[in-house]
């Protein structure tokens, strides 16, 4: 049986080596070498420059704001879903995850047609004689795109954590005199922390590293660290600097993995 399991794991191991380990090795190699192949930390230290530091700070700020908005929207929705009967529950969960089946780029382009100056929203406002909004190419548009694209990744872990809470624990708290607010703060929320941490990780990290949303909804006027790295690879052709900056972002990914491992040891906040 063990030998069969090992044989079944070979395709995954090959996939991991070719598409995960080797690319990561290449990023690390380029990140710690210069164009001559000599060892250097200059590519990583470049994050401290004014331009790169500003892009990183803006990325962290917008990602943090998007994560907070997602959490504020997702938690009440997850609580509502967790309290519904199974049939309605499954249908509504499907509605929330349905947009994830659509191409990420198409979803973002759809918001471009909605938010641009001659877009759907402004045309509706003009029709009713209301002042138009200038949202496109602003940080607000980027946050809106992040929230729309990553909200399901916040809802599902929290929902999965909430449905695993034993109703008897909640009933016991109420029988002991705890009101709705105290039951939530002392029982429900602490037990849902694994899902919250998992959701925060699954939203903050992709929001921090994204460049598609800021390119489309920011109109190349707002450069996030993901845009800087993308330009280094595709336009400037400086793979060494791009890899060095990517290694800085890996620090955030490692921290998120550590936090998830600490607060969600049993995988209660997983997407499944």
Protein backbone atom coordinates (compact mmCIF):
# COMPACT_ATOMS: atom_id res chain seq x y z
CA UNK A 1 0.00 0.00 0.00
CA UNK A 2 2.82 2.41 0.88
CA UNK A 3 4.58 1.63 -2.41
CA UNK A 4 1.37 2.37 -4.35
CA UNK A 5 1.00 5.69 -2.55
CA UNK A 6 4.56 6.59 -3.42
CA UNK A 7 3.92 5.76 -7.08
CA UNK A 8 0.76 7.89 -7.10
CA UNK A 9 2.72 10.82 -5.67
CA UNK A 10 5.30 10.79 -8.49
CA UNK A 11 3.25 12.96 -10.92
CA UNK A 12 2.73 15.58 -8.20
CA UNK A 13 6.42 15.51 -7.26
CA UNK A 14 7.40 16.00 -10.89
CA UNK A 15 4.89 18.87 -11.20
CA UNK A 16 6.21 20.49 -8.01
CA UNK A 17 9.82 20.19 -9.15
CA UNK A 18 9.22 21.60 -12.64
CA UNK A 19 6.71 24.35 -11.84
CA UNK A 20 7.49 25.28 -8.21
CA UNK A 21 10.99 24.34 -7.06
CA UNK A 22 12.91 25.14 -10.26
CA UNK A 23 11.18 28.55 -10.80
CA UNK A 24 11.81 29.48 -7.15
CA UNK A 25 15.44 28.46 -7.50
CA UNK A 26 15.74 30.63 -10.61
CA UNK A 27 14.21 33.63 -8.79
CA UNK A 28 16.64 33.20 -5.89
CA UNK A 29 19.59 32.77 -8.25
CA UNK A 30 18.78 35.88 -10.28
CA UNK A 31 17.95 37.81 -7.13
CA UNK A 32 21.36 37.30 -5.52
CA UNK A 33 23.49 37.73 -8.64
CA UNK A 34 24.21 40.55 -11.07
CA UNK A 35 24.41 40.46 -14.87
CA UNK A 36 27.95 39.04 -14.67
CA UNK A 37 26.84 36.22 -12.38
CA UNK A 38 28.63 37.66 -9.35
CA UNK A 39 27.03 37.35 -5.92
CA UNK A 40 25.33 40.54 -4.67
CA UNK A 41 22.61 41.80 -2.32
CA UNK A 42 22.10 44.96 -4.37
CA UNK A 43 18.96 43.62 -6.05
CA UNK A 44 17.29 42.97 -2.70
CA UNK A 45 18.56 46.22 -1.17
CA UNK A 46 17.00 48.12 -4.10
CA UNK A 47 13.68 47.92 -2.25
CA UNK A 48 15.03 50.71 -0.01
CA UNK A 49 15.20 53.21 -2.88
CA UNK A 50 12.59 56.00 -2.88
CA UNK A 51 10.76 54.71 -5.98
CA UNK A 52 10.60 51.06 -4.91
CA UNK A 53 9.90 51.91 -1.28
CA UNK A 54 6.96 54.10 -2.29
CA UNK A 55 5.56 51.34 -4.50
CA UNK A 56 5.90 48.78 -1.70
CA UNK A 57 4.31 51.07 0.88
CA UNK A 58 1.39 51.88 -1.43
CA UNK A 59 0.94 48.17 -2.15
CA UNK A 60 0.87 47.34 1.56
CA UNK A 61 -1.56 50.19 2.27
CA UNK A 62 -4.03 49.32 -0.51
CA UNK A 63 -3.78 45.60 0.27
CA UNK A 64 -4.43 46.26 3.96
CA UNK A 65 -7.46 48.44 3.18
CA UNK A 66 -8.82 45.85 0.75
CA UNK A 67 -8.36 43.09 3.32
CA UNK A 68 -10.19 45.11 5.99
CA UNK A 69 -13.10 45.81 3.62
CA UNK A 70 -13.25 42.14 2.62
CA UNK A 71 -13.30 41.09 6.28
CA UNK A 72 -16.07 43.55 7.17
CA UNK A 73 -18.17 42.33 4.24
CA UNK A 74 -17.34 38.64 4.47
CA UNK A 75 -17.90 37.95 8.17
CA UNK A 76 -21.60 38.94 8.29
CA UNK A 77 -22.20 37.11 5.00
CA UNK A 78 -20.47 34.00 6.32
CA UNK A 79 -22.55 34.11 9.51
CA UNK A 80 -25.78 34.40 7.50
CA UNK A 81 -24.77 31.46 5.29
CA UNK A 82 -23.77 29.31 8.27
CA UNK A 83 -27.21 29.76 9.89
CA UNK A 84 -29.25 28.84 6.82
CA UNK A 85 -30.58 25.39 5.93
CA UNK A 86 -28.38 23.17 3.83
CA UNK A 87 -30.30 23.53 0.53
CA UNK A 88 -30.36 27.34 0.51
CA UNK A 89 -26.88 27.38 1.98
CA UNK A 90 -25.34 25.39 -0.87
CA UNK A 91 -27.04 27.51 -3.54
CA UNK A 92 -25.89 30.83 -2.02
CA UNK A 93 -22.36 29.55 -1.50
CA UNK A 94 -22.34 28.61 -5.20
CA UNK A 95 -23.40 32.18 -6.09
CA UNK A 96 -20.48 33.62 -4.13
CA UNK A 97 -17.86 31.32 -5.66
CA UNK A 98 -19.33 31.47 -9.19
CA UNK A 99 -17.34 34.62 -10.18
CA UNK A 100 -14.13 32.72 -9.35
CA UNK A 101 -14.85 30.43 -12.31
CA UNK A 102 -14.61 33.37 -14.70
CA UNK A 103 -11.26 34.52 -16.03
CA UNK A 104 -9.55 36.94 -13.63
CA UNK A 105 -8.64 39.33 -16.43
CA UNK A 106 -12.19 39.42 -17.81
CA UNK A 107 -13.61 40.17 -14.35
CA UNK A 108 -11.25 43.11 -13.98
CA UNK A 109 -11.93 44.41 -17.50
CA UNK A 110 -15.64 44.32 -16.72
CA UNK A 111 -15.05 46.82 -13.92
CA UNK A 112 -13.14 49.03 -16.36
CA UNK A 113 -16.23 49.30 -18.55
CA UNK A 114 -18.30 50.14 -15.48
CA UNK A 115 -16.02 52.74 -13.90
CA UNK A 116 -14.50 54.65 -16.82
CA UNK A 117 -15.66 58.21 -17.52
CA UNK A 118 -17.92 57.07 -20.35
CA UNK A 119 -18.77 53.82 -18.63
CA UNK A 120 -22.06 52.30 -17.55
CA UNK A 121 -22.21 53.90 -14.09
CA UNK A 122 -21.54 57.44 -15.31
CA UNK A 123 -24.00 57.04 -18.19
CA UNK A 124 -26.71 56.04 -15.71
CA UNK A 125 -25.87 59.03 -13.52
CA UNK A 126 -26.05 61.36 -16.54
CA UNK A 127 -29.40 59.89 -17.52
CA UNK A 128 -30.85 60.86 -14.12
CA UNK A 129 -29.15 64.28 -14.17
CA UNK A 130 -26.73 63.41 -11.38
CA UNK A 131 -23.04 64.41 -11.24
CA UNK A 132 -20.66 61.82 -12.65
CA UNK A 133 -17.94 60.11 -10.62
CA UNK A 134 -14.23 60.09 -11.40
CA UNK A 135 -13.27 56.72 -9.92
CA UNK A 136 -11.14 55.16 -12.65
CA UNK A 137 -7.34 55.53 -12.36
CA UNK A 138 -7.58 56.15 -8.62
CA UNK A 139 -6.57 54.09 -5.56
CA UNK A 140 -10.29 53.66 -4.86
CA UNK A 141 -10.77 51.85 -8.16
CA UNK A 142 -7.88 49.52 -7.36
CA UNK A 143 -9.31 48.75 -3.91
CA UNK A 144 -12.71 48.08 -5.48
CA UNK A 145 -11.12 45.68 -7.97
CA UNK A 146 -9.23 43.89 -5.21
CA UNK A 147 -12.31 43.54 -3.03
CA UNK A 148 -14.41 42.21 -5.90
CA UNK A 149 -11.81 39.67 -7.02
CA UNK A 150 -10.67 38.45 -3.61
CA UNK A 151 -13.86 38.64 -1.49
CA UNK A 152 -14.76 34.95 -2.04
CA UNK A 153 -11.34 34.00 -0.62
CA UNK A 154 -12.36 35.72 2.61
CA UNK A 155 -15.92 34.40 2.75
CA UNK A 156 -15.20 30.70 2.30
CA UNK A 157 -12.58 30.18 5.07
CA UNK A 158 -14.69 32.11 7.60
CA UNK A 159 -17.83 30.23 6.53
CA UNK A 160 -16.08 26.87 6.88
CA UNK A 161 -14.85 27.82 10.35
CA UNK A 162 -18.32 28.96 11.46
CA UNK A 163 -20.18 25.85 10.27
CA UNK A 164 -17.77 23.68 12.27
CA UNK A 165 -18.72 25.39 15.54
CA UNK A 166 -20.88 23.04 17.63
CA UNK A 167 -24.32 24.68 18.11
CA UNK A 168 -24.40 23.21 21.63
CA UNK A 169 -21.49 25.46 22.59
CA UNK A 170 -23.45 28.54 21.50
CA UNK A 171 -26.61 27.31 23.24
CA UNK A 172 -24.64 26.65 26.42
CA UNK A 173 -23.34 30.23 26.41
CA UNK A 174 -26.88 31.57 26.03
CA UNK A 175 -28.19 29.27 28.76
CA UNK A 176 -25.53 30.69 31.07
CA UNK A 177 -26.88 34.20 30.50
CA UNK A 178 -24.65 35.50 27.72
CA UNK A 179 -26.36 37.94 25.39
CA UNK A 180 -25.91 37.99 21.59
CA UNK A 181 -22.96 40.41 21.74
CA UNK A 182 -21.14 38.52 24.50
CA UNK A 183 -21.83 35.18 22.81
CA UNK A 184 -20.27 36.52 19.64
CA UNK A 185 -17.20 38.12 21.28
CA UNK A 186 -16.52 35.30 23.76
CA UNK A 187 -17.56 32.20 21.81
CA UNK A 188 -18.27 32.59 18.09
CA UNK A 189 -15.49 34.97 17.05
CA UNK A 190 -12.67 33.24 19.02
CA UNK A 191 -13.68 29.88 17.52
CA UNK A 192 -13.70 31.40 14.01
CA UNK A 193 -10.20 32.90 14.33
CA UNK A 194 -8.62 30.13 12.16
CA UNK A 195 -10.97 31.06 9.31
CA UNK A 196 -10.34 34.78 9.79
CA UNK A 197 -6.54 34.34 9.72
CA UNK A 198 -6.78 32.07 6.68
CA UNK A 199 -9.04 34.57 4.91
CA UNK A 200 -6.78 37.51 5.71
CA UNK A 201 -3.80 35.58 4.35
CA UNK A 202 -5.63 34.53 1.19
CA UNK A 203 -6.68 38.11 0.46
CA UNK A 204 -3.70 40.16 1.61
CA UNK A 205 -0.97 38.19 -0.18
CA UNK A 206 -2.52 38.17 -3.71
CA UNK A 207 -3.63 41.79 -3.25
CA UNK A 208 -0.07 42.75 -2.31
CA UNK A 209 1.49 41.02 -5.30
CA UNK A 210 -1.12 41.87 -7.96
CA UNK A 211 -0.27 44.00 -10.97
CA UNK A 212 -3.18 43.27 -13.32
CA UNK A 213 -5.77 45.13 -11.23
CA UNK A 214 -3.58 48.22 -10.77
CA UNK A 215 -2.63 48.21 -14.47
CA UNK A 216 -6.23 48.07 -15.71
CA UNK A 217 -8.07 50.09 -13.07
CA UNK A 218 -5.15 52.36 -12.23
CA UNK A 219 -4.30 53.11 -15.85
CA UNK A 220 -0.55 52.70 -15.24
CA UNK A 221 -0.73 55.92 -13.22
CA UNK A 222 -0.49 54.13 -9.88
CA UNK A 223 2.51 51.82 -9.62
CA UNK A 224 2.37 49.07 -7.04
CA UNK A 225 5.34 46.84 -6.27
CA UNK A 226 3.81 44.14 -8.48
CA UNK A 227 3.81 46.58 -11.42
CA UNK A 228 7.45 47.47 -10.75
CA UNK A 229 8.47 43.81 -10.77
CA UNK A 230 6.42 43.11 -13.90
CA UNK A 231 8.08 46.04 -15.71
CA UNK A 232 11.53 44.83 -14.72
CA UNK A 233 10.84 41.43 -16.30
CA UNK A 234 8.86 42.44 -19.38
CA UNK A 235 10.00 45.96 -20.30
CA UNK A 236 13.37 46.74 -18.75
CA UNK A 237 14.62 43.18 -19.05
CA UNK A 238 16.40 43.33 -15.69
CA UNK A 239 15.55 39.90 -14.33
CA UNK A 240 18.06 40.27 -11.52
CA UNK A 241 16.39 43.35 -10.04
CA UNK A 242 12.92 41.92 -10.63
CA UNK A 243 13.90 38.70 -8.84
CA UNK A 244 15.47 40.62 -5.96
CA UNK A 245 12.28 42.61 -5.43
CA UNK A 246 10.26 39.40 -5.71
CA UNK A 247 12.33 37.90 -2.90
CA UNK A 248 11.26 40.79 -0.68
CA UNK A 249 7.62 39.91 -1.34
CA UNK A 250 8.38 36.29 -0.47
CA UNK A 251 8.99 37.49 3.08
CA UNK A 252 5.33 38.49 3.34
CA UNK A 253 4.28 35.11 1.94
CA UNK A 254 6.44 33.24 4.47
CA UNK A 255 5.03 35.33 7.33
CA UNK A 256 1.49 34.59 6.18
CA UNK A 257 2.26 30.86 6.02
CA UNK A 258 3.66 30.97 9.56
CA UNK A 259 0.58 32.80 10.88
CA UNK A 260 -1.72 30.30 9.17
CA UNK A 261 0.24 27.39 10.63
CA UNK A 262 0.04 28.89 14.13
CA UNK A 263 -3.66 29.83 14.18
CA UNK A 264 -5.07 27.14 11.91
CA UNK A 265 -3.20 24.00 12.86
CA UNK A 266 -6.15 21.70 12.08
CA UNK A 267 -7.06 23.32 8.77
CA UNK A 268 -10.44 24.53 10.08
CA UNK A 269 -10.22 27.67 7.95
CA UNK A 270 -9.48 25.91 4.68
CA UNK A 271 -11.45 26.66 1.52
CA UNK A 272 -12.86 23.12 1.41
